[in-house]
């Protein structure tokens, strides 16, 4: 057996003003976001999760705490799961403002995400998530671990693990509250609650389940 690592994108964020929150604090989950997190939590209930990590940003911690309450595992904040530093240059802007104030940088990001270097390159992003995964595999062999992160970090590590080019970044769609398998056999296919249960059961033979599942 090998370590199974599940990556979870935080739930939908409460953002009534429509700003780009990037690395900003103070952006927690919306009602739908809490529901999404609860669905992941229910899917993992009784799955013998050994470790639960989370991006220290509010939306990551709140999502992880909802999961923690269901599985009885303490949340471990880890900055290596934070949002891509490249996005910090747009933090606080509305999407309308981005069209003027950040247009050139945005167009470069869209046309060639592998070439951008402001704040943090895509390769550097993958480096830090990969370093986190190696630590998880070392510290929790032959077990199940969960990391709550953001869209771009999950995309970046999947591209690297699958040896896909940077241009495929936008082809990986992971909605709020969805999960993906990062190890073993990384798979970019988003997992909803029922799929999470099947994946966990298949990856960890003999995993105990509560009667409700």
N, C-alpha and C. Protein backbone atom coordinates (compact mmCIF):
# COMPACT_ATOMS: atom_id res chain seq x y z
N UNK A 1 0.83 -1.20 0.00
CA UNK A 1 0.00 0.00 0.00
C UNK A 1 0.87 1.25 0.00
N UNK A 2 0.31 2.35 -0.47
CA UNK A 2 0.99 3.64 -0.45
C UNK A 2 0.05 4.68 0.14
N UNK A 3 0.60 5.84 0.44
CA UNK A 3 -0.21 6.91 1.01
C UNK A 3 -1.19 7.45 -0.02
N UNK A 4 -2.43 7.57 0.37
CA UNK A 4 -3.44 8.19 -0.48
C UNK A 4 -3.62 9.63 -0.03
N UNK A 5 -3.49 10.56 -0.96
CA UNK A 5 -3.66 11.98 -0.64
C UNK A 5 -4.80 12.55 -1.46
N UNK A 6 -5.77 13.10 -0.77
CA UNK A 6 -6.94 13.71 -1.41
C UNK A 6 -6.81 15.22 -1.30
N UNK A 7 -6.88 15.91 -2.43
CA UNK A 7 -6.87 17.37 -2.43
C UNK A 7 -8.29 17.90 -2.54
N UNK A 8 -8.65 18.82 -1.67
CA UNK A 8 -10.00 19.40 -1.65
C UNK A 8 -9.91 20.89 -1.90
N UNK A 9 -10.67 21.38 -2.86
CA UNK A 9 -10.77 22.83 -3.04
C UNK A 9 -11.76 23.37 -2.02
N UNK A 10 -11.42 24.48 -1.37
CA UNK A 10 -12.32 25.07 -0.38
C UNK A 10 -13.70 25.34 -0.99
N UNK A 11 -14.70 25.46 -0.13
CA UNK A 11 -16.05 25.73 -0.59
C UNK A 11 -16.22 27.14 -1.13
N UNK A 12 -17.36 27.40 -1.72
CA UNK A 12 -17.67 28.72 -2.28
C UNK A 12 -17.51 29.80 -1.21
N UNK A 13 -16.98 30.95 -1.64
CA UNK A 13 -16.67 32.04 -0.72
C UNK A 13 -17.78 33.09 -0.70
N UNK A 14 -18.04 33.65 0.49
CA UNK A 14 -18.98 34.78 0.61
C UNK A 14 -18.26 36.03 0.11
N UNK A 15 -18.70 36.53 -1.04
CA UNK A 15 -17.99 37.64 -1.69
C UNK A 15 -18.99 38.54 -2.41
N UNK A 16 -19.86 39.22 -1.66
CA UNK A 16 -20.95 39.99 -2.28
C UNK A 16 -20.47 41.14 -3.17
N UNK A 17 -19.26 41.65 -2.93
CA UNK A 17 -18.75 42.76 -3.73
C UNK A 17 -17.98 42.28 -4.97
N UNK A 18 -17.82 40.99 -5.11
CA UNK A 18 -17.18 40.45 -6.30
C UNK A 18 -15.73 40.85 -6.47
N UNK A 19 -14.98 40.91 -5.38
CA UNK A 19 -13.57 41.28 -5.49
C UNK A 19 -12.71 40.03 -5.66
N UNK A 20 -11.51 40.24 -6.16
CA UNK A 20 -10.55 39.15 -6.27
C UNK A 20 -9.86 39.05 -4.92
N UNK A 21 -10.15 37.99 -4.17
CA UNK A 21 -9.66 37.91 -2.80
C UNK A 21 -8.27 37.31 -2.69
N UNK A 22 -7.83 36.54 -3.67
CA UNK A 22 -6.45 36.02 -3.73
C UNK A 22 -5.96 35.65 -2.33
N UNK A 23 -4.93 36.35 -1.83
CA UNK A 23 -4.38 36.02 -0.52
C UNK A 23 -4.94 36.84 0.62
N UNK A 24 -6.03 37.56 0.40
CA UNK A 24 -6.61 38.41 1.43
C UNK A 24 -7.28 37.60 2.53
N UNK A 25 -7.21 38.11 3.74
CA UNK A 25 -7.91 37.49 4.86
C UNK A 25 -9.34 38.03 4.91
N UNK A 26 -10.17 37.36 5.69
CA UNK A 26 -11.52 37.84 5.90
C UNK A 26 -12.55 37.34 4.91
N UNK A 27 -12.19 36.38 4.09
CA UNK A 27 -13.14 35.83 3.13
C UNK A 27 -13.44 34.39 3.49
N UNK A 28 -14.55 34.23 4.24
CA UNK A 28 -14.98 32.91 4.66
C UNK A 28 -15.97 32.32 3.68
N UNK A 29 -16.58 31.23 4.06
CA UNK A 29 -17.48 30.51 3.17
C UNK A 29 -18.88 31.12 3.14
N UNK A 30 -19.53 30.96 2.01
CA UNK A 30 -20.94 31.31 1.88
C UNK A 30 -21.78 30.15 2.43
N UNK A 31 -23.08 30.33 2.45
CA UNK A 31 -23.94 29.22 2.86
C UNK A 31 -23.75 28.00 1.98
N UNK A 32 -23.66 28.21 0.67
CA UNK A 32 -23.41 27.09 -0.24
C UNK A 32 -22.03 26.49 0.01
N UNK A 33 -21.06 27.35 0.34
CA UNK A 33 -19.73 26.85 0.62
C UNK A 33 -19.69 25.94 1.83
N UNK A 34 -20.43 26.31 2.87
CA UNK A 34 -20.50 25.45 4.06
C UNK A 34 -21.19 24.14 3.74
N UNK A 35 -22.20 24.21 2.89
CA UNK A 35 -22.89 22.97 2.49
C UNK A 35 -21.94 22.06 1.71
N UNK A 36 -21.17 22.65 0.79
CA UNK A 36 -20.21 21.87 0.00
C UNK A 36 -19.18 21.20 0.91
N UNK A 37 -18.69 21.95 1.89
CA UNK A 37 -17.72 21.39 2.82
C UNK A 37 -18.34 20.26 3.63
N UNK A 38 -19.59 20.44 4.02
CA UNK A 38 -20.28 19.41 4.80
C UNK A 38 -20.46 18.12 4.00
N UNK A 39 -20.68 18.25 2.70
CA UNK A 39 -20.83 17.07 1.85
C UNK A 39 -19.52 16.29 1.78
N UNK A 40 -18.40 17.02 1.66
CA UNK A 40 -17.10 16.34 1.67
C UNK A 40 -16.89 15.68 3.03
N UNK A 41 -17.24 16.39 4.09
CA UNK A 41 -17.07 15.85 5.44
C UNK A 41 -17.86 14.56 5.61
N UNK A 42 -19.10 14.54 5.14
CA UNK A 42 -19.93 13.35 5.24
C UNK A 42 -19.34 12.19 4.45
N UNK A 43 -18.76 12.51 3.29
CA UNK A 43 -18.16 11.47 2.46
C UNK A 43 -16.94 10.84 3.13
N UNK A 44 -16.26 11.63 3.96
CA UNK A 44 -15.04 11.14 4.62
C UNK A 44 -15.30 10.59 6.03
N UNK A 45 -16.51 10.76 6.51
CA UNK A 45 -16.84 10.28 7.85
C UNK A 45 -16.63 8.76 7.93
N UNK A 46 -15.82 8.32 8.88
CA UNK A 46 -15.57 6.90 9.04
C UNK A 46 -14.52 6.35 8.09
N UNK A 47 -13.83 7.22 7.35
CA UNK A 47 -12.86 6.75 6.36
C UNK A 47 -11.44 6.61 6.90
N UNK A 48 -11.26 6.81 8.20
CA UNK A 48 -9.95 6.64 8.83
C UNK A 48 -8.90 7.59 8.25
N UNK A 49 -9.30 8.86 8.11
CA UNK A 49 -8.34 9.88 7.69
C UNK A 49 -7.33 10.09 8.82
N UNK A 50 -6.06 10.00 8.49
CA UNK A 50 -5.01 10.10 9.50
C UNK A 50 -4.58 11.55 9.72
N UNK A 51 -4.56 12.35 8.65
CA UNK A 51 -4.08 13.73 8.76
C UNK A 51 -4.91 14.65 7.89
N UNK A 52 -5.18 15.85 8.39
CA UNK A 52 -5.98 16.85 7.68
C UNK A 52 -5.22 18.17 7.69
N UNK A 53 -4.80 18.60 6.52
CA UNK A 53 -4.04 19.85 6.35
C UNK A 53 -4.92 20.88 5.66
N UNK A 54 -4.55 22.16 5.80
CA UNK A 54 -5.34 23.21 5.15
C UNK A 54 -4.51 24.45 4.89
N UNK A 55 -4.83 25.13 3.81
CA UNK A 55 -4.32 26.48 3.58
C UNK A 55 -4.73 27.35 4.76
N UNK A 56 -3.84 28.20 5.27
CA UNK A 56 -4.18 29.05 6.41
C UNK A 56 -5.18 30.17 6.10
N UNK A 57 -5.49 30.40 4.82
CA UNK A 57 -6.47 31.43 4.48
C UNK A 57 -7.85 31.04 5.01
N UNK A 58 -8.66 32.04 5.34
CA UNK A 58 -9.94 31.81 6.02
C UNK A 58 -10.79 30.73 5.36
N UNK A 59 -10.91 30.79 4.05
CA UNK A 59 -11.77 29.84 3.35
C UNK A 59 -11.25 28.42 3.44
N UNK A 60 -9.92 28.28 3.48
CA UNK A 60 -9.33 26.95 3.62
C UNK A 60 -9.54 26.39 5.02
N UNK A 61 -9.27 27.21 6.02
CA UNK A 61 -9.43 26.77 7.41
C UNK A 61 -10.88 26.45 7.72
N UNK A 62 -11.81 27.29 7.27
CA UNK A 62 -13.22 27.04 7.56
C UNK A 62 -13.70 25.74 6.93
N UNK A 63 -13.29 25.50 5.68
CA UNK A 63 -13.64 24.24 5.02
C UNK A 63 -13.08 23.05 5.80
N UNK A 64 -11.81 23.16 6.19
CA UNK A 64 -11.16 22.06 6.91
C UNK A 64 -11.79 21.81 8.27
N UNK A 65 -12.21 22.87 8.95
CA UNK A 65 -12.82 22.69 10.28
C UNK A 65 -14.14 21.93 10.18
N UNK A 66 -14.88 22.18 9.13
CA UNK A 66 -16.14 21.44 8.94
C UNK A 66 -15.83 19.96 8.73
N UNK A 67 -14.80 19.68 7.95
CA UNK A 67 -14.39 18.29 7.74
C UNK A 67 -13.87 17.70 9.06
N UNK A 68 -13.10 18.49 9.79
CA UNK A 68 -12.51 18.03 11.06
C UNK A 68 -13.58 17.59 12.04
N UNK A 69 -14.67 18.35 12.12
CA UNK A 69 -15.74 18.01 13.06
C UNK A 69 -16.36 16.65 12.73
N UNK A 70 -16.36 16.29 11.45
CA UNK A 70 -16.97 15.02 11.04
C UNK A 70 -16.04 13.84 11.24
N UNK A 71 -14.74 14.05 11.06
CA UNK A 71 -13.82 12.92 11.08
C UNK A 71 -12.98 12.84 12.36
N UNK A 72 -13.05 13.88 13.20
CA UNK A 72 -12.34 13.84 14.46
C UNK A 72 -10.83 13.95 14.34
N UNK A 73 -10.36 14.65 13.32
CA UNK A 73 -8.93 14.84 13.11
C UNK A 73 -8.63 16.34 13.14
N UNK A 74 -7.59 16.72 13.89
CA UNK A 74 -7.24 18.13 14.04
C UNK A 74 -6.72 18.72 12.72
N UNK A 75 -7.08 19.97 12.46
CA UNK A 75 -6.61 20.67 11.26
C UNK A 75 -5.17 21.16 11.47
N UNK A 76 -4.32 20.89 10.49
CA UNK A 76 -2.94 21.36 10.52
C UNK A 76 -2.78 22.42 9.43
N UNK A 77 -2.66 23.70 9.79
CA UNK A 77 -2.44 24.73 8.76
C UNK A 77 -1.08 24.55 8.12
N UNK A 78 -1.02 24.71 6.81
CA UNK A 78 0.26 24.58 6.09
C UNK A 78 0.28 25.61 4.96
N UNK A 79 1.21 26.56 5.04
CA UNK A 79 1.26 27.64 4.06
C UNK A 79 1.57 27.16 2.65
N UNK A 80 2.07 25.95 2.53
CA UNK A 80 2.37 25.43 1.19
C UNK A 80 1.10 25.13 0.39
N UNK A 81 -0.04 25.16 1.06
CA UNK A 81 -1.32 24.93 0.39
C UNK A 81 -2.04 26.23 0.07
N UNK A 82 -1.40 27.37 0.34
CA UNK A 82 -2.03 28.66 0.07
C UNK A 82 -2.21 28.91 -1.43
N UNK A 83 -3.01 29.94 -1.73
CA UNK A 83 -3.29 30.34 -3.10
C UNK A 83 -2.00 30.74 -3.83
N UNK A 84 -2.01 30.64 -5.14
CA UNK A 84 -0.88 31.00 -5.98
C UNK A 84 -0.50 32.47 -5.75
N UNK A 85 0.77 32.71 -5.44
CA UNK A 85 1.23 34.07 -5.19
C UNK A 85 1.08 35.00 -6.38
N UNK A 86 1.00 34.46 -7.58
CA UNK A 86 0.84 35.30 -8.77
C UNK A 86 -0.45 36.10 -8.72
N UNK A 87 -1.46 35.55 -8.06
CA UNK A 87 -2.76 36.22 -7.98
C UNK A 87 -2.75 37.41 -7.02
N UNK A 88 -1.76 37.50 -6.15
CA UNK A 88 -1.77 38.55 -5.14
C UNK A 88 -1.73 39.96 -5.74
N UNK A 89 -1.19 40.10 -6.93
CA UNK A 89 -1.10 41.42 -7.56
C UNK A 89 -2.49 41.99 -7.87
N UNK A 90 -3.50 41.14 -7.94
CA UNK A 90 -4.86 41.60 -8.26
C UNK A 90 -5.76 41.64 -7.04
N UNK A 91 -5.23 41.30 -5.88
CA UNK A 91 -6.06 41.22 -4.67
C UNK A 91 -6.75 42.54 -4.38
N UNK A 92 -8.04 42.48 -4.14
CA UNK A 92 -8.83 43.66 -3.81
C UNK A 92 -9.50 44.31 -5.01
N UNK A 93 -9.04 43.99 -6.22
CA UNK A 93 -9.68 44.53 -7.42
C UNK A 93 -10.99 43.81 -7.68
N UNK A 94 -11.92 44.50 -8.32
CA UNK A 94 -13.09 43.82 -8.86
C UNK A 94 -12.70 43.25 -10.21
N UNK A 95 -13.50 42.37 -10.73
CA UNK A 95 -13.20 41.80 -12.05
C UNK A 95 -13.29 42.88 -13.13
N UNK A 96 -14.13 43.88 -12.90
CA UNK A 96 -14.22 44.98 -13.85
C UNK A 96 -12.94 45.81 -13.84
N UNK A 97 -12.39 46.06 -12.66
CA UNK A 97 -11.14 46.80 -12.55
C UNK A 97 -9.98 46.05 -13.16
N UNK A 98 -10.04 44.73 -13.09
CA UNK A 98 -8.97 43.92 -13.66
C UNK A 98 -8.81 44.16 -15.15
N UNK A 99 -9.92 44.47 -15.82
CA UNK A 99 -9.87 44.69 -17.28
C UNK A 99 -9.03 45.90 -17.65
N UNK A 100 -8.84 46.82 -16.71
CA UNK A 100 -8.04 48.01 -16.99
C UNK A 100 -6.74 48.03 -16.21
N UNK A 101 -6.80 47.88 -14.88
CA UNK A 101 -5.61 47.98 -14.05
C UNK A 101 -4.65 46.80 -14.20
N UNK A 102 -5.19 45.64 -14.45
CA UNK A 102 -4.31 44.46 -14.53
C UNK A 102 -4.39 43.74 -15.84
N UNK A 103 -4.82 44.42 -16.87
CA UNK A 103 -5.13 43.75 -18.13
C UNK A 103 -3.93 43.04 -18.75
N UNK A 104 -2.78 43.70 -18.81
CA UNK A 104 -1.61 43.10 -19.46
C UNK A 104 -1.17 41.82 -18.75
N UNK A 105 -1.10 41.89 -17.41
CA UNK A 105 -0.69 40.71 -16.64
C UNK A 105 -1.71 39.59 -16.77
N UNK A 106 -2.98 39.96 -16.81
CA UNK A 106 -4.03 38.95 -16.95
C UNK A 106 -3.94 38.25 -18.30
N UNK A 107 -3.74 39.02 -19.35
CA UNK A 107 -3.68 38.43 -20.68
C UNK A 107 -2.47 37.51 -20.82
N UNK A 108 -1.36 37.86 -20.15
CA UNK A 108 -0.18 36.99 -20.18
C UNK A 108 -0.47 35.68 -19.45
N UNK A 109 -1.15 35.80 -18.32
CA UNK A 109 -1.53 34.61 -17.54
C UNK A 109 -2.43 33.69 -18.36
N UNK A 110 -3.38 34.26 -19.06
CA UNK A 110 -4.32 33.46 -19.85
C UNK A 110 -3.63 32.82 -21.04
N UNK A 111 -2.74 33.56 -21.69
CA UNK A 111 -2.11 33.05 -22.93
C UNK A 111 -1.00 32.05 -22.65
N UNK A 112 -0.27 32.24 -21.53
CA UNK A 112 0.86 31.35 -21.24
C UNK A 112 1.12 31.31 -19.74
N UNK A 113 0.33 30.56 -18.98
CA UNK A 113 0.46 30.56 -17.52
C UNK A 113 1.83 30.08 -17.04
N UNK A 114 2.52 29.32 -17.86
CA UNK A 114 3.83 28.83 -17.45
C UNK A 114 4.91 29.87 -17.51
N UNK A 115 4.65 31.02 -18.15
CA UNK A 115 5.68 32.05 -18.32
C UNK A 115 5.62 33.15 -17.28
N UNK A 116 4.52 33.23 -16.52
CA UNK A 116 4.38 34.35 -15.58
C UNK A 116 5.26 34.13 -14.36
N UNK A 117 5.81 35.21 -13.85
CA UNK A 117 6.74 35.11 -12.71
C UNK A 117 6.42 36.09 -11.60
N UNK A 118 5.45 36.98 -11.78
CA UNK A 118 5.14 37.98 -10.76
C UNK A 118 4.63 37.30 -9.49
N UNK A 119 5.30 37.53 -8.37
CA UNK A 119 4.89 36.93 -7.11
C UNK A 119 5.36 35.51 -6.94
N UNK A 120 5.06 34.66 -7.91
CA UNK A 120 5.41 33.25 -7.84
C UNK A 120 5.12 32.62 -9.19
N UNK A 121 6.05 31.85 -9.71
CA UNK A 121 5.82 31.19 -10.98
C UNK A 121 4.98 29.92 -10.77
N UNK A 122 4.46 29.40 -11.85
CA UNK A 122 3.69 28.16 -11.78
C UNK A 122 4.58 27.01 -11.30
N UNK A 123 5.83 27.00 -11.74
CA UNK A 123 6.76 25.96 -11.31
C UNK A 123 7.03 26.05 -9.81
N UNK A 124 7.17 27.26 -9.29
CA UNK A 124 7.40 27.44 -7.86
C UNK A 124 6.18 27.01 -7.05
N UNK A 125 5.01 27.28 -7.59
CA UNK A 125 3.78 26.84 -6.94
C UNK A 125 3.75 25.32 -6.85
N UNK A 126 4.05 24.65 -7.95
CA UNK A 126 4.09 23.18 -7.95
C UNK A 126 5.16 22.66 -7.00
N UNK A 127 6.29 23.37 -6.92
CA UNK A 127 7.38 22.95 -6.02
C UNK A 127 6.90 22.87 -4.58
N UNK A 128 6.18 23.90 -4.13
CA UNK A 128 5.80 23.92 -2.71
C UNK A 128 4.71 22.89 -2.39
N UNK A 129 3.78 22.69 -3.34
CA UNK A 129 2.76 21.67 -3.09
C UNK A 129 3.39 20.28 -3.14
N UNK A 130 4.33 20.08 -4.04
CA UNK A 130 5.03 18.81 -4.12
C UNK A 130 5.82 18.54 -2.83
N UNK A 131 6.45 19.58 -2.28
CA UNK A 131 7.19 19.43 -1.03
C UNK A 131 6.26 19.01 0.11
N UNK A 132 5.06 19.61 0.13
CA UNK A 132 4.06 19.23 1.14
C UNK A 132 3.68 17.76 0.98
N UNK A 133 3.45 17.33 -0.26
CA UNK A 133 3.06 15.94 -0.50
C UNK A 133 4.15 14.97 -0.06
N UNK A 134 5.39 15.30 -0.32
CA UNK A 134 6.49 14.42 0.09
C UNK A 134 6.55 14.29 1.61
N UNK A 135 6.30 15.39 2.31
CA UNK A 135 6.28 15.33 3.77
C UNK A 135 5.13 14.47 4.27
N UNK A 136 3.97 14.60 3.62
CA UNK A 136 2.81 13.79 4.00
C UNK A 136 3.11 12.31 3.79
N UNK A 137 3.69 11.97 2.67
CA UNK A 137 4.02 10.56 2.38
C UNK A 137 5.05 10.01 3.37
N UNK A 138 5.98 10.87 3.79
CA UNK A 138 6.99 10.44 4.76
C UNK A 138 6.38 10.25 6.15
N UNK A 139 5.52 11.20 6.54
CA UNK A 139 4.99 11.19 7.90
C UNK A 139 3.80 10.24 8.09
N UNK A 140 3.10 9.92 6.99
CA UNK A 140 1.89 9.10 7.10
C UNK A 140 1.88 7.99 6.05
N UNK A 141 2.82 7.07 6.13
CA UNK A 141 2.87 6.00 5.13
C UNK A 141 1.65 5.07 5.23
N UNK A 142 1.23 4.59 4.08
CA UNK A 142 0.14 3.61 4.01
C UNK A 142 -1.11 4.08 4.74
N UNK A 143 -1.49 5.33 4.50
CA UNK A 143 -2.68 5.87 5.16
C UNK A 143 -3.36 6.89 4.26
N UNK A 144 -4.41 7.51 4.76
CA UNK A 144 -5.18 8.49 4.01
C UNK A 144 -5.02 9.87 4.62
N UNK A 145 -4.60 10.84 3.80
CA UNK A 145 -4.45 12.22 4.24
C UNK A 145 -5.23 13.14 3.32
N UNK A 146 -5.68 14.26 3.86
CA UNK A 146 -6.49 15.22 3.10
C UNK A 146 -5.84 16.60 3.21
N UNK A 147 -5.79 17.32 2.09
CA UNK A 147 -5.28 18.68 2.08
C UNK A 147 -6.30 19.62 1.46
N UNK A 148 -6.74 20.63 2.21
CA UNK A 148 -7.69 21.63 1.69
C UNK A 148 -6.89 22.79 1.13
N UNK A 149 -7.09 23.07 -0.14
CA UNK A 149 -6.29 24.10 -0.81
C UNK A 149 -7.18 24.93 -1.72
N UNK A 150 -6.61 25.42 -2.82
CA UNK A 150 -7.28 26.31 -3.76
C UNK A 150 -7.15 25.74 -5.16
N UNK A 151 -7.86 26.33 -6.09
CA UNK A 151 -7.87 25.80 -7.45
C UNK A 151 -6.49 25.72 -8.06
N UNK A 152 -5.73 26.83 -8.06
CA UNK A 152 -4.46 26.84 -8.79
C UNK A 152 -3.40 25.91 -8.20
N UNK A 153 -3.24 25.83 -6.87
CA UNK A 153 -2.29 24.86 -6.35
C UNK A 153 -2.63 23.42 -6.73
N UNK A 154 -3.92 23.09 -6.72
CA UNK A 154 -4.31 21.74 -7.11
C UNK A 154 -4.05 21.50 -8.59
N UNK A 155 -4.34 22.50 -9.40
CA UNK A 155 -4.05 22.38 -10.83
C UNK A 155 -2.55 22.19 -11.07
N UNK A 156 -1.75 23.00 -10.39
CA UNK A 156 -0.31 22.99 -10.61
C UNK A 156 0.31 21.64 -10.28
N UNK A 157 -0.06 21.05 -9.16
CA UNK A 157 0.55 19.77 -8.78
C UNK A 157 0.05 18.65 -9.66
N UNK A 158 -1.18 18.74 -10.13
CA UNK A 158 -1.69 17.71 -11.04
C UNK A 158 -0.96 17.79 -12.38
N UNK A 159 -0.72 18.99 -12.89
CA UNK A 159 0.03 19.13 -14.14
C UNK A 159 1.41 18.49 -14.00
N UNK A 160 2.07 18.77 -12.89
CA UNK A 160 3.40 18.20 -12.70
C UNK A 160 3.35 16.68 -12.56
N UNK A 161 2.45 16.19 -11.75
CA UNK A 161 2.38 14.75 -11.51
C UNK A 161 2.03 13.98 -12.77
N UNK A 162 1.19 14.59 -13.61
CA UNK A 162 0.76 13.94 -14.85
C UNK A 162 1.66 14.27 -16.03
N UNK A 163 2.70 15.09 -15.77
CA UNK A 163 3.65 15.50 -16.81
C UNK A 163 2.94 16.15 -18.00
N UNK A 164 2.01 17.03 -17.66
CA UNK A 164 1.28 17.77 -18.68
C UNK A 164 1.82 19.19 -18.78
N UNK A 165 1.73 19.83 -19.95
CA UNK A 165 2.28 21.18 -20.13
C UNK A 165 1.46 22.24 -19.41
N UNK A 166 2.10 23.39 -19.16
CA UNK A 166 1.43 24.48 -18.46
C UNK A 166 0.18 24.95 -19.18
N UNK A 167 0.17 24.84 -20.50
CA UNK A 167 -0.99 25.26 -21.27
C UNK A 167 -2.24 24.48 -20.97
N UNK A 168 -2.09 23.33 -20.30
CA UNK A 168 -3.27 22.52 -19.95
C UNK A 168 -3.90 22.97 -18.64
N UNK A 169 -3.35 24.01 -18.03
CA UNK A 169 -3.82 24.46 -16.71
C UNK A 169 -5.33 24.67 -16.68
N UNK A 170 -5.84 25.36 -17.67
CA UNK A 170 -7.26 25.74 -17.65
C UNK A 170 -8.17 24.58 -18.07
N UNK A 171 -7.57 23.49 -18.50
CA UNK A 171 -8.36 22.31 -18.83
C UNK A 171 -8.72 21.47 -17.61
N UNK A 172 -8.12 21.82 -16.47
CA UNK A 172 -8.42 21.11 -15.23
C UNK A 172 -9.44 21.93 -14.45
N UNK A 173 -10.64 21.43 -14.38
CA UNK A 173 -11.74 22.13 -13.71
C UNK A 173 -12.05 21.46 -12.39
N UNK A 174 -11.90 22.18 -11.30
CA UNK A 174 -12.20 21.67 -9.97
C UNK A 174 -13.08 22.70 -9.28
N UNK A 175 -14.35 22.42 -9.18
CA UNK A 175 -15.27 23.39 -8.62
C UNK A 175 -15.12 23.54 -7.11
N UNK A 176 -15.68 24.59 -6.54
CA UNK A 176 -15.64 24.78 -5.09
C UNK A 176 -16.21 23.57 -4.36
N UNK A 177 -15.49 23.08 -3.37
CA UNK A 177 -15.95 21.94 -2.61
C UNK A 177 -15.72 20.60 -3.26
N UNK A 178 -15.08 20.59 -4.43
CA UNK A 178 -14.79 19.32 -5.11
C UNK A 178 -13.41 18.81 -4.66
N UNK A 179 -13.17 17.54 -4.90
CA UNK A 179 -11.91 16.92 -4.50
C UNK A 179 -11.28 16.22 -5.69
N UNK A 180 -9.97 16.03 -5.62
CA UNK A 180 -9.23 15.28 -6.63
C UNK A 180 -8.23 14.38 -5.93
N UNK A 181 -7.89 13.28 -6.57
CA UNK A 181 -6.88 12.40 -6.02
C UNK A 181 -5.50 12.89 -6.46
N UNK A 182 -4.64 13.17 -5.49
CA UNK A 182 -3.29 13.63 -5.77
C UNK A 182 -2.29 12.49 -5.75
N UNK A 183 -2.55 11.47 -4.94
CA UNK A 183 -1.66 10.31 -4.87
C UNK A 183 -2.43 9.16 -4.22
N UNK A 184 -2.10 7.91 -4.57
CA UNK A 184 -1.27 7.55 -5.73
C UNK A 184 -2.09 7.72 -7.01
N UNK A 185 -1.47 7.56 -8.13
CA UNK A 185 -2.16 7.69 -9.42
C UNK A 185 -3.00 8.96 -9.47
N UNK A 186 -2.36 10.12 -9.57
CA UNK A 186 -3.09 11.39 -9.60
C UNK A 186 -4.13 11.41 -10.71
N UNK A 187 -5.26 12.02 -10.39
CA UNK A 187 -6.38 12.05 -11.34
C UNK A 187 -7.07 13.40 -11.23
N UNK A 188 -7.14 14.17 -12.33
CA UNK A 188 -7.76 15.50 -12.28
C UNK A 188 -9.28 15.49 -12.31
N UNK A 189 -9.88 14.31 -12.41
CA UNK A 189 -11.34 14.23 -12.46
C UNK A 189 -11.94 14.64 -11.11
N UNK A 190 -12.77 15.70 -11.08
CA UNK A 190 -13.35 16.14 -9.81
C UNK A 190 -14.21 15.04 -9.19
N UNK A 191 -14.11 14.90 -7.88
CA UNK A 191 -14.86 13.90 -7.15
C UNK A 191 -15.94 14.58 -6.31
N UNK A 192 -17.17 14.21 -6.54
CA UNK A 192 -18.24 14.65 -5.66
C UNK A 192 -18.33 13.66 -4.50
N UNK A 193 -19.28 13.88 -3.59
CA UNK A 193 -19.32 13.09 -2.36
C UNK A 193 -19.35 11.58 -2.60
N UNK A 194 -20.24 11.11 -3.47
CA UNK A 194 -20.34 9.67 -3.70
C UNK A 194 -19.05 9.13 -4.32
N UNK A 195 -18.44 9.92 -5.19
CA UNK A 195 -17.19 9.49 -5.82
C UNK A 195 -16.04 9.45 -4.82
N UNK A 196 -16.05 10.37 -3.87
CA UNK A 196 -15.02 10.36 -2.82
C UNK A 196 -15.12 9.07 -2.03
N UNK A 197 -16.32 8.67 -1.68
CA UNK A 197 -16.50 7.44 -0.91
C UNK A 197 -15.97 6.24 -1.68
N UNK A 198 -16.29 6.17 -2.96
CA UNK A 198 -15.82 5.04 -3.78
C UNK A 198 -14.30 5.05 -3.91
N UNK A 199 -13.72 6.25 -4.11
CA UNK A 199 -12.28 6.36 -4.26
C UNK A 199 -11.57 5.92 -2.99
N UNK A 200 -12.06 6.38 -1.86
CA UNK A 200 -11.44 6.02 -0.59
C UNK A 200 -11.54 4.52 -0.34
N UNK A 201 -12.71 3.95 -0.58
CA UNK A 201 -12.90 2.52 -0.36
C UNK A 201 -11.99 1.69 -1.25
N UNK A 202 -11.79 2.16 -2.49
CA UNK A 202 -10.94 1.42 -3.43
C UNK A 202 -9.46 1.58 -3.09
N UNK A 203 -9.08 2.75 -2.58
CA UNK A 203 -7.68 3.03 -2.30
C UNK A 203 -7.19 2.44 -0.99
N UNK A 204 -8.09 2.35 -0.02
CA UNK A 204 -7.72 1.86 1.30
C UNK A 204 -8.55 0.62 1.62
N UNK A 205 -8.14 -0.56 1.16
CA UNK A 205 -8.90 -1.79 1.42
C UNK A 205 -9.12 -1.98 2.92
N UNK A 206 -10.34 -2.35 3.25
CA UNK A 206 -10.64 -2.60 4.64
C UNK A 206 -10.94 -1.36 5.45
N UNK A 207 -11.05 -0.20 4.78
CA UNK A 207 -11.35 1.03 5.51
C UNK A 207 -12.69 0.90 6.22
N UNK A 208 -12.73 1.12 7.52
CA UNK A 208 -14.01 1.00 8.25
C UNK A 208 -14.98 2.10 7.86
N UNK A 209 -16.23 1.80 7.86
CA UNK A 209 -17.27 2.75 7.52
C UNK A 209 -18.32 2.81 8.61
N UNK A 210 -18.84 3.99 8.86
CA UNK A 210 -19.93 4.11 9.81
C UNK A 210 -21.20 3.56 9.14
N UNK A 211 -22.17 3.07 9.91
CA UNK A 211 -23.38 2.50 9.34
C UNK A 211 -24.12 3.44 8.41
N UNK A 212 -24.05 4.74 8.65
CA UNK A 212 -24.80 5.70 7.84
C UNK A 212 -24.27 5.80 6.41
N UNK A 213 -23.05 5.28 6.17
CA UNK A 213 -22.46 5.35 4.84
C UNK A 213 -22.53 4.01 4.15
